[in-house]
């Protein structure tokens, strides 16, 4: 595909100045966690870490992708808020969060625009 694209096409393809950023995360739960505790954690995670920051989450109980709840990019501040929330949770043995990456084309580098 041509790299000299119109503004309208760049917006439609979510590239260049319209690139949208998000991040991946993984959870490792501590052993002995009951199903009720796991359910409570997931509900709290979605309510307090994701929806409270205007984010959306796609994934399961141990792996997922976080993006903005509307068109646009997750900020580094929002990413840090989720990371801080996860580190404070006793239900987790470990968690990891990727750097910001392109939501639509993960293999593309993050542009400075």
PDB file of N, CA and C in Angstrom:
ATOM      1  N   UNK A   1       0.834  -1.173   0.000  1.00  0.00           N
ATOM      2  CA  UNK A   1       0.000   0.000   0.000  1.00  0.00           C
ATOM      3  C   UNK A   1       0.882   1.239   0.000  1.00  0.00           C
ATOM      4  N   UNK A   2       0.458   2.258  -0.667  1.00  0.00           N
ATOM      5  CA  UNK A   2       1.231   3.490  -0.769  1.00  0.00           C
ATOM      6  C   UNK A   2       1.423   4.125   0.605  1.00  0.00           C
ATOM      7  N   UNK A   3       2.568   4.782   0.777  1.00  0.00           N
ATOM      8  CA  UNK A   3       2.825   5.440   2.051  1.00  0.00           C
ATOM      9  C   UNK A   3       2.405   6.905   2.016  1.00  0.00           C
ATOM     10  N   UNK A   4       2.107   7.440   0.851  1.00  0.00           N
ATOM     11  CA  UNK A   4       1.631   8.810   0.722  1.00  0.00           C
ATOM     12  C   UNK A   4       0.106   8.787   0.745  1.00  0.00           C
ATOM     13  N   UNK A   5      -0.450   8.723   1.936  1.00  0.00           N
ATOM     14  CA  UNK A   5      -1.894   8.568   2.108  1.00  0.00           C
ATOM     15  C   UNK A   5      -2.543   9.892   2.482  1.00  0.00           C
ATOM     16  N   UNK A   6      -3.798  10.040   2.116  1.00  0.00           N
ATOM     17  CA  UNK A   6      -4.540  11.237   2.495  1.00  0.00           C
ATOM     18  C   UNK A   6      -4.823  11.196   4.001  1.00  0.00           C
ATOM     19  N   UNK A   7      -5.120  12.346   4.552  1.00  0.00           N
ATOM     20  CA  UNK A   7      -5.450  12.451   5.980  1.00  0.00           C
ATOM     21  C   UNK A   7      -6.641  11.545   6.311  1.00  0.00           C
ATOM     22  N   UNK A   8      -7.653  11.550   5.464  1.00  0.00           N
ATOM     23  CA  UNK A   8      -8.842  10.729   5.680  1.00  0.00           C
ATOM     24  C   UNK A   8      -8.485   9.247   5.756  1.00  0.00           C
ATOM     25  N   UNK A   9      -7.617   8.793   4.855  1.00  0.00           N
ATOM     26  CA  UNK A   9      -7.220   7.389   4.843  1.00  0.00           C
ATOM     27  C   UNK A   9      -6.342   7.047   6.054  1.00  0.00           C
ATOM     28  N   UNK A  10      -5.437   7.962   6.433  1.00  0.00           N
ATOM     29  CA  UNK A  10      -4.610   7.721   7.626  1.00  0.00           C
ATOM     30  C   UNK A  10      -5.484   7.576   8.866  1.00  0.00           C
ATOM     31  N   UNK A  11      -6.549   8.392   8.951  1.00  0.00           N
ATOM     32  CA  UNK A  11      -7.455   8.307  10.089  1.00  0.00           C
ATOM     33  C   UNK A  11      -8.215   6.988  10.074  1.00  0.00           C
ATOM     34  N   UNK A  12      -8.667   6.600   8.909  1.00  0.00           N
ATOM     35  CA  UNK A  12      -9.433   5.356   8.780  1.00  0.00           C
ATOM     36  C   UNK A  12      -8.566   4.134   9.130  1.00  0.00           C
ATOM     37  N   UNK A  13      -7.286   4.190   8.751  1.00  0.00           N
ATOM     38  CA  UNK A  13      -6.366   3.080   9.011  1.00  0.00           C
ATOM     39  C   UNK A  13      -5.706   3.152  10.394  1.00  0.00           C
ATOM     40  N   UNK A  14      -5.936   4.247  11.120  1.00  0.00           N
ATOM     41  CA  UNK A  14      -5.323   4.449  12.447  1.00  0.00           C
ATOM     42  C   UNK A  14      -3.803   4.399  12.381  1.00  0.00           C
ATOM     43  N   UNK A  15      -3.236   5.139  11.439  1.00  0.00           N
ATOM     44  CA  UNK A  15      -1.783   5.192  11.296  1.00  0.00           C
ATOM     45  C   UNK A  15      -1.285   6.633  11.417  1.00  0.00           C
ATOM     46  N   UNK A  16       0.036   6.756  11.499  1.00  0.00           N
ATOM     47  CA  UNK A  16       0.707   8.046  11.619  1.00  0.00           C
ATOM     48  C   UNK A  16       0.147   8.847  12.788  1.00  0.00           C
ATOM     49  N   UNK A  17      -0.359  10.055  12.560  1.00  0.00           N
ATOM     50  CA  UNK A  17      -0.842  10.872  13.675  1.00  0.00           C
ATOM     51  C   UNK A  17      -2.105  10.309  14.321  1.00  0.00           C
ATOM     52  N   UNK A  18      -2.733   9.304  13.702  1.00  0.00           N
ATOM     53  CA  UNK A  18      -3.939   8.686  14.247  1.00  0.00           C
ATOM     54  C   UNK A  18      -3.654   7.320  14.894  1.00  0.00           C
ATOM     55  N   UNK A  19      -2.382   7.016  15.087  1.00  0.00           N
ATOM     56  CA  UNK A  19      -1.996   5.761  15.734  1.00  0.00           C
ATOM     57  C   UNK A  19      -2.608   5.707  17.127  1.00  0.00           C
ATOM     58  N   UNK A  20      -3.146   4.552  17.515  1.00  0.00           N
ATOM     59  CA  UNK A  20      -3.745   4.365  18.829  1.00  0.00           C
ATOM     60  C   UNK A  20      -2.896   3.402  19.642  1.00  0.00           C
ATOM     61  N   UNK A  21      -2.607   3.780  20.884  1.00  0.00           N
ATOM     62  CA  UNK A  21      -1.712   2.997  21.733  1.00  0.00           C
ATOM     63  C   UNK A  21      -2.454   2.323  22.882  1.00  0.00           C
ATOM     64  N   UNK A  22      -1.952   1.184  23.272  1.00  0.00           N
ATOM     65  CA  UNK A  22      -2.462   0.432  24.407  1.00  0.00           C
ATOM     66  C   UNK A  22      -1.320  -0.394  24.975  1.00  0.00           C
ATOM     67  N   UNK A  23      -1.637  -1.350  25.860  1.00  0.00           N
ATOM     68  CA  UNK A  23      -0.588  -2.203  26.418  1.00  0.00           C
ATOM     69  C   UNK A  23      -1.143  -3.561  26.791  1.00  0.00           C
ATOM     70  N   UNK A  24      -0.249  -4.545  26.781  1.00  0.00           N
ATOM     71  CA  UNK A  24      -0.596  -5.908  27.187  1.00  0.00           C
ATOM     72  C   UNK A  24      -0.273  -6.067  28.663  1.00  0.00           C
ATOM     73  N   UNK A  25      -0.995  -6.967  29.305  1.00  0.00           N
ATOM     74  CA  UNK A  25      -0.649  -7.292  30.682  1.00  0.00           C
ATOM     75  C   UNK A  25      -0.921  -8.758  30.963  1.00  0.00           C
ATOM     76  N   UNK A  26      -0.168  -9.288  31.898  1.00  0.00           N
ATOM     77  CA  UNK A  26      -0.355 -10.669  32.331  1.00  0.00           C
ATOM     78  C   UNK A  26      -0.429 -10.689  33.854  1.00  0.00           C
ATOM     79  N   UNK A  27      -1.204 -11.635  34.359  1.00  0.00           N
ATOM     80  CA  UNK A  27      -1.356 -11.821  35.798  1.00  0.00           C
ATOM     81  C   UNK A  27      -0.895 -13.220  36.171  1.00  0.00           C
ATOM     82  N   UNK A  28      -0.294 -13.325  37.339  1.00  0.00           N
ATOM     83  CA  UNK A  28      -0.013 -14.628  37.924  1.00  0.00           C
ATOM     84  C   UNK A  28      -0.570 -14.567  39.339  1.00  0.00           C
ATOM     85  N   UNK A  29      -1.611 -15.353  39.590  1.00  0.00           N
ATOM     86  CA  UNK A  29      -2.291 -15.312  40.881  1.00  0.00           C
ATOM     87  C   UNK A  29      -1.556 -16.154  41.909  1.00  0.00           C
ATOM     88  N   UNK A  30      -1.663 -15.740  43.176  1.00  0.00           N
ATOM     89  CA  UNK A  30      -1.037 -16.521  44.242  1.00  0.00           C
ATOM     90  C   UNK A  30      -1.792 -17.840  44.397  1.00  0.00           C
ATOM     91  N   UNK A  31      -1.099 -18.837  44.877  1.00  0.00           N
ATOM     92  CA  UNK A  31      -1.712 -20.156  45.049  1.00  0.00           C
ATOM     93  C   UNK A  31      -2.719 -20.117  46.186  1.00  0.00           C
ATOM     94  N   UNK A  32      -3.737 -20.956  46.064  1.00  0.00           N
ATOM     95  CA  UNK A  32      -4.747 -21.067  47.098  1.00  0.00           C
ATOM     96  C   UNK A  32      -5.860 -20.038  46.999  1.00  0.00           C
ATOM     97  N   UNK A  33      -5.885 -19.269  45.917  1.00  0.00           N
ATOM     98  CA  UNK A  33      -6.925 -18.263  45.731  1.00  0.00           C
ATOM     99  C   UNK A  33      -8.236 -18.956  45.377  1.00  0.00           C
ATOM    100  N   UNK A  34      -9.277 -18.668  46.122  1.00  0.00           N
ATOM    101  CA  UNK A  34     -10.575 -19.302  45.854  1.00  0.00           C
ATOM    102  C   UNK A  34     -11.215 -18.668  44.614  1.00  0.00           C
ATOM    103  N   UNK A  35     -12.201 -19.350  44.084  1.00  0.00           N
ATOM    104  CA  UNK A  35     -12.899 -18.835  42.907  1.00  0.00           C
ATOM    105  C   UNK A  35     -13.630 -17.534  43.231  1.00  0.00           C
ATOM    106  N   UNK A  36     -14.167 -17.437  44.430  1.00  0.00           N
ATOM    107  CA  UNK A  36     -14.847 -16.205  44.853  1.00  0.00           C
ATOM    108  C   UNK A  36     -13.864 -15.035  44.933  1.00  0.00           C
ATOM    109  N   UNK A  37     -12.660 -15.297  45.463  1.00  0.00           N
ATOM    110  CA  UNK A  37     -11.638 -14.250  45.538  1.00  0.00           C
ATOM    111  C   UNK A  37     -11.193 -13.831  44.147  1.00  0.00           C
ATOM    112  N   UNK A  38     -11.060 -14.786  43.243  1.00  0.00           N
ATOM    113  CA  UNK A  38     -10.674 -14.496  41.861  1.00  0.00           C
ATOM    114  C   UNK A  38     -11.740 -13.641  41.186  1.00  0.00           C
ATOM    115  N   UNK A  39     -13.001 -14.014  41.352  1.00  0.00           N
ATOM    116  CA  UNK A  39     -14.103 -13.241  40.770  1.00  0.00           C
ATOM    117  C   UNK A  39     -14.133 -11.819  41.326  1.00  0.00           C
ATOM    118  N   UNK A  40     -13.929 -11.688  42.632  1.00  0.00           N
ATOM    119  CA  UNK A  40     -13.918 -10.365  43.264  1.00  0.00           C
ATOM    120  C   UNK A  40     -12.766  -9.522  42.730  1.00  0.00           C
ATOM    121  N   UNK A  41     -11.595 -10.151  42.526  1.00  0.00           N
ATOM    122  CA  UNK A  41     -10.447  -9.437  41.975  1.00  0.00           C
ATOM    123  C   UNK A  41     -10.756  -8.924  40.574  1.00  0.00           C
ATOM    124  N   UNK A  42     -11.300  -9.791  39.713  1.00  0.00           N
ATOM    125  CA  UNK A  42     -11.596  -9.404  38.337  1.00  0.00           C
ATOM    126  C   UNK A  42     -12.604  -8.258  38.308  1.00  0.00           C
ATOM    127  N   UNK A  43     -13.651  -8.344  39.115  1.00  0.00           N
ATOM    128  CA  UNK A  43     -14.647  -7.265  39.177  1.00  0.00           C
ATOM    129  C   UNK A  43     -14.023  -5.959  39.646  1.00  0.00           C
ATOM    130  N   UNK A  44     -13.187  -6.033  40.665  1.00  0.00           N
ATOM    131  CA  UNK A  44     -12.516  -4.846  41.183  1.00  0.00           C
ATOM    132  C   UNK A  44     -11.535  -4.280  40.157  1.00  0.00           C
ATOM    133  N   UNK A  45     -10.806  -5.144  39.481  1.00  0.00           N
ATOM    134  CA  UNK A  45      -9.867  -4.717  38.448  1.00  0.00           C
ATOM    135  C   UNK A  45     -10.596  -3.951  37.343  1.00  0.00           C
ATOM    136  N   UNK A  46     -11.686  -4.522  36.858  1.00  0.00           N
ATOM    137  CA  UNK A  46     -12.434  -3.873  35.775  1.00  0.00           C
ATOM    138  C   UNK A  46     -13.042  -2.545  36.224  1.00  0.00           C
ATOM    139  N   UNK A  47     -13.549  -2.501  37.439  1.00  0.00           N
ATOM    140  CA  UNK A  47     -14.200  -1.289  37.942  1.00  0.00           C
ATOM    141  C   UNK A  47     -13.184  -0.213  38.324  1.00  0.00           C
ATOM    142  N   UNK A  48     -12.183  -0.592  39.153  1.00  0.00           N
ATOM    143  CA  UNK A  48     -11.293   0.389  39.764  1.00  0.00           C
ATOM    144  C   UNK A  48     -10.056   0.740  38.935  1.00  0.00           C
ATOM    145  N   UNK A  49      -9.516  -0.212  38.205  1.00  0.00           N
ATOM    146  CA  UNK A  49      -8.301   0.060  37.435  1.00  0.00           C
ATOM    147  C   UNK A  49      -8.602   0.395  35.982  1.00  0.00           C
ATOM    148  N   UNK A  50      -9.624  -0.219  35.414  1.00  0.00           N
ATOM    149  CA  UNK A  50      -9.901  -0.030  33.991  1.00  0.00           C
ATOM    150  C   UNK A  50     -10.952   1.064  33.767  1.00  0.00           C
ATOM    151  N   UNK A  51     -12.190   0.824  34.180  1.00  0.00           N
ATOM    152  CA  UNK A  51     -13.269   1.788  33.906  1.00  0.00           C
ATOM    153  C   UNK A  51     -13.027   3.133  34.595  1.00  0.00           C
ATOM    154  N   UNK A  52     -12.466   3.141  35.780  1.00  0.00           N
ATOM    155  CA  UNK A  52     -12.207   4.391  36.501  1.00  0.00           C
ATOM    156  C   UNK A  52     -11.200   5.276  35.770  1.00  0.00           C
ATOM    157  N   UNK A  53     -10.367   4.678  34.922  1.00  0.00           N
ATOM    158  CA  UNK A  53      -9.369   5.428  34.162  1.00  0.00           C
ATOM    159  C   UNK A  53      -9.784   5.642  32.708  1.00  0.00           C
ATOM    160  N   UNK A  54     -11.042   5.325  32.380  1.00  0.00           N
ATOM    161  CA  UNK A  54     -11.524   5.525  31.014  1.00  0.00           C
ATOM    162  C   UNK A  54     -10.957   4.535  30.016  1.00  0.00           C
ATOM    163  N   UNK A  55     -10.592   3.352  30.496  1.00  0.00           N
ATOM    164  CA  UNK A  55      -9.951   2.348  29.653  1.00  0.00           C
ATOM    165  C   UNK A  55     -10.906   1.209  29.324  1.00  0.00           C
ATOM    166  N   UNK A  56     -10.492   0.374  28.388  1.00  0.00           N
ATOM    167  CA  UNK A  56     -11.205  -0.838  28.042  1.00  0.00           C
ATOM    168  C   UNK A  56     -10.257  -2.019  28.139  1.00  0.00           C
ATOM    169  N   UNK A  57     -10.779  -3.186  28.480  1.00  0.00           N
ATOM    170  CA  UNK A  57      -9.961  -4.384  28.651  1.00  0.00           C
ATOM    171  C   UNK A  57     -10.523  -5.505  27.800  1.00  0.00           C
ATOM    172  N   UNK A  58      -9.637  -6.155  27.065  1.00  0.00           N
ATOM    173  CA  UNK A  58     -10.007  -7.321  26.270  1.00  0.00           C
ATOM    174  C   UNK A  58      -9.083  -8.445  26.699  1.00  0.00           C
ATOM    175  N   UNK A  59      -9.655  -9.554  27.164  1.00  0.00           N
ATOM    176  CA  UNK A  59      -8.808 -10.662  27.572  1.00  0.00           C
ATOM    177  C   UNK A  59      -9.503 -11.542  28.586  1.00  0.00           C
ATOM    178  N   UNK A  60      -8.698 -12.321  29.264  1.00  0.00           N
ATOM    179  CA  UNK A  60      -9.212 -13.259  30.243  1.00  0.00           C
ATOM    180  C   UNK A  60      -8.699 -12.933  31.632  1.00  0.00           C
ATOM    181  N   UNK A  61      -8.682 -13.969  32.476  1.00  0.00           N
ATOM    182  CA  UNK A  61      -8.271 -13.789  33.867  1.00  0.00           C
ATOM    183  C   UNK A  61      -6.760 -13.656  34.036  1.00  0.00           C
ATOM    184  N   UNK A  62      -5.979 -14.144  33.073  1.00  0.00           N
ATOM    185  CA  UNK A  62      -4.532 -14.120  33.254  1.00  0.00           C
ATOM    186  C   UNK A  62      -3.762 -13.363  32.175  1.00  0.00           C
ATOM    187  N   UNK A  63      -4.423 -12.920  31.123  1.00  0.00           N
ATOM    188  CA  UNK A  63      -3.761 -12.187  30.051  1.00  0.00           C
ATOM    189  C   UNK A  63      -4.779 -11.293  29.364  1.00  0.00           C
ATOM    190  N   UNK A  64      -4.357 -10.099  28.973  1.00  0.00           N
ATOM    191  CA  UNK A  64      -5.273  -9.230  28.257  1.00  0.00           C
ATOM    192  C   UNK A  64      -4.577  -8.030  27.652  1.00  0.00           C
ATOM    193  N   UNK A  65      -5.381  -7.214  27.006  1.00  0.00           N
ATOM    194  CA  UNK A  65      -4.903  -6.011  26.347  1.00  0.00           C
ATOM    195  C   UNK A  65      -5.758  -4.850  26.815  1.00  0.00           C
ATOM    196  N   UNK A  66      -5.105  -3.735  27.137  1.00  0.00           N
ATOM    197  CA  UNK A  66      -5.798  -2.554  27.620  1.00  0.00           C
ATOM    198  C   UNK A  66      -5.669  -1.456  26.570  1.00  0.00           C
ATOM    199  N   UNK A  67      -6.803  -0.857  26.221  1.00  0.00           N
ATOM    200  CA  UNK A  67      -6.812   0.262  25.289  1.00  0.00           C
ATOM    201  C   UNK A  67      -7.760   1.319  25.839  1.00  0.00           C
ATOM    202  N   UNK A  68      -7.832   2.448  25.173  1.00  0.00           N
ATOM    203  CA  UNK A  68      -8.739   3.493  25.604  1.00  0.00           C
ATOM    204  C   UNK A  68     -10.169   3.049  25.362  1.00  0.00           C
ATOM    205  N   UNK A  69     -11.090   3.456  26.192  1.00  0.00           N
ATOM    206  CA  UNK A  69     -12.483   3.063  26.071  1.00  0.00           C
ATOM    207  C   UNK A  69     -13.196   3.716  24.895  1.00  0.00           C
ATOM    208  N   UNK A  70     -12.524   4.622  24.207  1.00  0.00           N
ATOM    209  CA  UNK A  70     -13.049   5.281  23.013  1.00  0.00           C
ATOM    210  C   UNK A  70     -11.881   5.429  22.032  1.00  0.00           C
ATOM    211  N   UNK A  71     -12.075   6.107  20.916  1.00  0.00           N
ATOM    212  CA  UNK A  71     -10.977   6.316  19.973  1.00  0.00           C
ATOM    213  C   UNK A  71      -9.871   7.102  20.652  1.00  0.00           C
ATOM    214  N   UNK A  72      -8.639   6.729  20.408  1.00  0.00           N
ATOM    215  CA  UNK A  72      -7.514   7.442  20.979  1.00  0.00           C
ATOM    216  C   UNK A  72      -6.520   6.490  21.612  1.00  0.00           C
ATOM    217  N   UNK A  73      -5.578   7.060  22.320  1.00  0.00           N
ATOM    218  CA  UNK A  73      -4.477   6.295  22.899  1.00  0.00           C
ATOM    219  C   UNK A  73      -4.466   6.349  24.415  1.00  0.00           C
ATOM    220  N   UNK A  74      -3.989   5.273  24.996  1.00  0.00           N
ATOM    221  CA  UNK A  74      -3.731   5.229  26.431  1.00  0.00           C
ATOM    222  C   UNK A  74      -2.509   6.099  26.692  1.00  0.00           C
ATOM    223  N   UNK A  75      -2.554   6.893  27.741  1.00  0.00           N
ATOM    224  CA  UNK A  75      -1.396   7.716  28.093  1.00  0.00           C
ATOM    225  C   UNK A  75      -0.448   6.917  28.988  1.00  0.00           C
ATOM    226  N   UNK A  76       0.767   7.390  29.076  1.00  0.00           N
ATOM    227  CA  UNK A  76       1.745   6.756  29.964  1.00  0.00           C
ATOM    228  C   UNK A  76       1.271   6.860  31.413  1.00  0.00           C
ATOM    229  N   UNK A  77       0.575   7.939  31.748  1.00  0.00           N
ATOM    230  CA  UNK A  77       0.036   8.122  33.098  1.00  0.00           C
ATOM    231  C   UNK A  77      -1.031   7.073  33.405  1.00  0.00           C
ATOM    232  N   UNK A  78      -1.924   6.795  32.467  1.00  0.00           N
ATOM    233  CA  UNK A  78      -2.949   5.774  32.676  1.00  0.00           C
ATOM    234  C   UNK A  78      -2.315   4.397  32.831  1.00  0.00           C
ATOM    235  N   UNK A  79      -1.307   4.124  32.023  1.00  0.00           N
ATOM    236  CA  UNK A  79      -0.587   2.854  32.118  1.00  0.00           C
ATOM    237  C   UNK A  79       0.031   2.705  33.507  1.00  0.00           C
ATOM    238  N   UNK A  80       0.656   3.777  34.006  1.00  0.00           N
ATOM    239  CA  UNK A  80       1.285   3.754  35.327  1.00  0.00           C
ATOM    240  C   UNK A  80       0.246   3.563  36.436  1.00  0.00           C
ATOM    241  N   UNK A  81      -0.943   4.154  36.283  1.00  0.00           N
ATOM    242  CA  UNK A  81      -1.996   3.989  37.286  1.00  0.00           C
ATOM    243  C   UNK A  81      -2.436   2.533  37.383  1.00  0.00           C
ATOM    244  N   UNK A  82      -2.584   1.865  36.242  1.00  0.00           N
ATOM    245  CA  UNK A  82      -2.960   0.450  36.245  1.00  0.00           C
ATOM    246  C   UNK A  82      -1.850  -0.377  36.885  1.00  0.00           C
ATOM    247  N   UNK A  83      -0.605  -0.075  36.543  1.00  0.00           N
ATOM    248  CA  UNK A  83       0.527  -0.808  37.106  1.00  0.00           C
ATOM    249  C   UNK A  83       0.587  -0.647  38.625  1.00  0.00           C
ATOM    250  N   UNK A  84       0.390   0.558  39.109  1.00  0.00           N
ATOM    251  CA  UNK A  84       0.387   0.821  40.552  1.00  0.00           C
ATOM    252  C   UNK A  84      -0.742   0.065  41.235  1.00  0.00           C
ATOM    253  N   UNK A  85      -1.924   0.062  40.616  1.00  0.00           N
ATOM    254  CA  UNK A  85      -3.072  -0.648  41.185  1.00  0.00           C
ATOM    255  C   UNK A  85      -2.760  -2.144  41.302  1.00  0.00           C
ATOM    256  N   UNK A  86      -2.178  -2.716  40.254  1.00  0.00           N
ATOM    257  CA  UNK A  86      -1.869  -4.149  40.259  1.00  0.00           C
ATOM    258  C   UNK A  86      -0.824  -4.506  41.313  1.00  0.00           C
ATOM    259  N   UNK A  87       0.188  -3.655  41.481  1.00  0.00           N
ATOM    260  CA  UNK A  87       1.251  -3.935  42.443  1.00  0.00           C
ATOM    261  C   UNK A  87       0.739  -3.922  43.876  1.00  0.00           C
ATOM    262  N   UNK A  88      -0.358  -3.222  44.119  1.00  0.00           N
ATOM    263  CA  UNK A  88      -0.904  -3.132  45.475  1.00  0.00           C
ATOM    264  C   UNK A  88      -1.829  -4.293  45.826  1.00  0.00           C
ATOM    265  N   UNK A  89      -2.072  -5.187  44.897  1.00  0.00           N
ATOM    266  CA  UNK A  89      -3.034  -6.275  45.112  1.00  0.00           C
ATOM    267  C   UNK A  89      -2.379  -7.510  45.705  1.00  0.00           C
ATOM    268  N   UNK A  90      -2.958  -8.010  46.792  1.00  0.00           N
ATOM    269  CA  UNK A  90      -2.413  -9.193  47.454  1.00  0.00           C
ATOM    270  C   UNK A  90      -2.791 -10.487  46.727  1.00  0.00           C
ATOM    271  N   UNK A  91      -3.798 -10.435  45.852  1.00  0.00           N
ATOM    272  CA  UNK A  91      -4.215 -11.642  45.125  1.00  0.00           C
ATOM    273  C   UNK A  91      -3.191 -12.075  44.081  1.00  0.00           C
ATOM    274  N   UNK A  92      -2.315 -11.163  43.693  1.00  0.00           N
ATOM    275  CA  UNK A  92      -1.354 -11.460  42.619  1.00  0.00           C
ATOM    276  C   UNK A  92       0.000 -11.857  43.167  1.00  0.00           C
ATOM    277  N   UNK A  93       0.541 -12.908  42.599  1.00  0.00           N
ATOM    278  CA  UNK A  93       1.912 -13.309  42.878  1.00  0.00           C
ATOM    279  C   UNK A  93       2.842 -12.444  42.040  1.00  0.00           C
ATOM    280  N   UNK A  94       2.414 -12.169  40.793  1.00  0.00           N
ATOM    281  CA  UNK A  94       3.210 -11.364  39.875  1.00  0.00           C
ATOM    282  C   UNK A  94       2.311 -10.812  38.780  1.00  0.00           C
ATOM    283  N   UNK A  95       2.725  -9.716  38.190  1.00  0.00           N
ATOM    284  CA  UNK A  95       2.035  -9.166  37.030  1.00  0.00           C
ATOM    285  C   UNK A  95       3.075  -8.449  36.179  1.00  0.00           C
ATOM    286  N   UNK A  96       2.817  -8.391  34.882  1.00  0.00           N
ATOM    287  CA  UNK A  96       3.719  -7.656  33.998  1.00  0.00           C
ATOM    288  C   UNK A  96       2.895  -6.846  33.013  1.00  0.00           C
ATOM    289  N   UNK A  97       3.423  -5.670  32.693  1.00  0.00           N
ATOM    290  CA  UNK A  97       2.762  -4.751  31.775  1.00  0.00           C
ATOM    291  C   UNK A  97       3.775  -4.379  30.700  1.00  0.00           C
ATOM    292  N   UNK A  98       3.335  -4.476  29.449  1.00  0.00           N
ATOM    293  CA  UNK A  98       4.223  -4.133  28.336  1.00  0.00           C
ATOM    294  C   UNK A  98       4.329  -2.618  28.196  1.00  0.00           C
ATOM    295  N   UNK A  99       5.332  -2.148  27.481  1.00  0.00           N
ATOM    296  CA  UNK A  99       5.355  -0.726  27.127  1.00  0.00           C
ATOM    297  C   UNK A  99       4.165  -0.434  26.206  1.00  0.00           C
ATOM    298  N   UNK A 100       3.858   0.842  26.000  1.00  0.00           N
ATOM    299  CA  UNK A 100       2.787   1.195  25.079  1.00  0.00           C
ATOM    300  C   UNK A 100       3.127   0.682  23.685  1.00  0.00           C
ATOM    301  N   UNK A 101       2.109   0.133  23.015  1.00  0.00           N
ATOM    302  CA  UNK A 101       2.299  -0.354  21.651  1.00  0.00           C
ATOM    303  C   UNK A 101       1.070  -0.069  20.815  1.00  0.00           C
ATOM    304  N   UNK A 102       1.249  -0.155  19.503  1.00  0.00           N
ATOM    305  CA  UNK A 102       0.185   0.143  18.556  1.00  0.00           C
ATOM    306  C   UNK A 102      -0.944  -0.876  18.704  1.00  0.00           C
ATOM    307  N   UNK A 103      -2.160  -0.396  18.930  1.00  0.00           N
ATOM    308  CA  UNK A 103      -3.315  -1.271  19.141  1.00  0.00           C
ATOM    309  C   UNK A 103      -3.664  -2.033  17.866  1.00  0.00           C
ATOM    310  N   UNK A 104      -3.636  -1.367  16.724  1.00  0.00           N
ATOM    311  CA  UNK A 104      -4.072  -1.961  15.467  1.00  0.00           C
ATOM    312  C   UNK A 104      -2.970  -2.730  14.756  1.00  0.00           C
ATOM    313  N   UNK A 105      -1.736  -2.287  14.903  1.00  0.00           N
ATOM    314  CA  UNK A 105      -0.596  -2.910  14.217  1.00  0.00           C
ATOM    315  C   UNK A 105       0.540  -3.084  15.235  1.00  0.00           C
ATOM    316  N   UNK A 106       0.454  -4.100  16.098  1.00  0.00           N
ATOM    317  CA  UNK A 106       1.446  -4.240  17.182  1.00  0.00           C
ATOM    318  C   UNK A 106       2.897  -4.354  16.705  1.00  0.00           C
ATOM    319  N   UNK A 107       3.094  -4.800  15.466  1.00  0.00           N
ATOM    320  CA  UNK A 107       4.458  -4.924  14.958  1.00  0.00           C
ATOM    321  C   UNK A 107       5.050  -3.568  14.567  1.00  0.00           C
ATOM    322  N   UNK A 108       4.226  -2.526  14.420  1.00  0.00           N
ATOM    323  CA  UNK A 108       4.718  -1.198  14.060  1.00  0.00           C
ATOM    324  C   UNK A 108       5.281  -0.494  15.288  1.00  0.00           C
ATOM    325  N   UNK A 109       6.359   0.287  15.104  1.00  0.00           N
ATOM    326  CA  UNK A 109       6.888   1.038  16.229  1.00  0.00           C
ATOM    327  C   UNK A 109       5.939   2.170  16.615  1.00  0.00           C
ATOM    328  N   UNK A 110       6.036   2.598  17.858  1.00  0.00           N
ATOM    329  CA  UNK A 110       5.221   3.714  18.342  1.00  0.00           C
ATOM    330  C   UNK A 110       5.823   4.991  17.780  1.00  0.00           C
ATOM    331  N   UNK A 111       4.981   5.785  17.120  1.00  0.00           N
ATOM    332  CA  UNK A 111       5.480   7.028  16.526  1.00  0.00           C
ATOM    333  C   UNK A 111       5.551   8.116  17.578  1.00  0.00           C
ATOM    334  N   UNK A 112       6.393   9.085  17.334  1.00  0.00           N
ATOM    335  CA  UNK A 112       6.585  10.194  18.272  1.00  0.00           C
ATOM    336  C   UNK A 112       5.556  11.285  18.071  1.00  0.00           C
ATOM    337  N   UNK A 113       4.655  11.140  17.114  1.00  0.00           N
ATOM    338  CA  UNK A 113       3.668  12.176  16.800  1.00  0.00           C
ATOM    339  C   UNK A 113       2.630  12.276  17.883  1.00  0.00           C
TER     340      UNK A 113
END
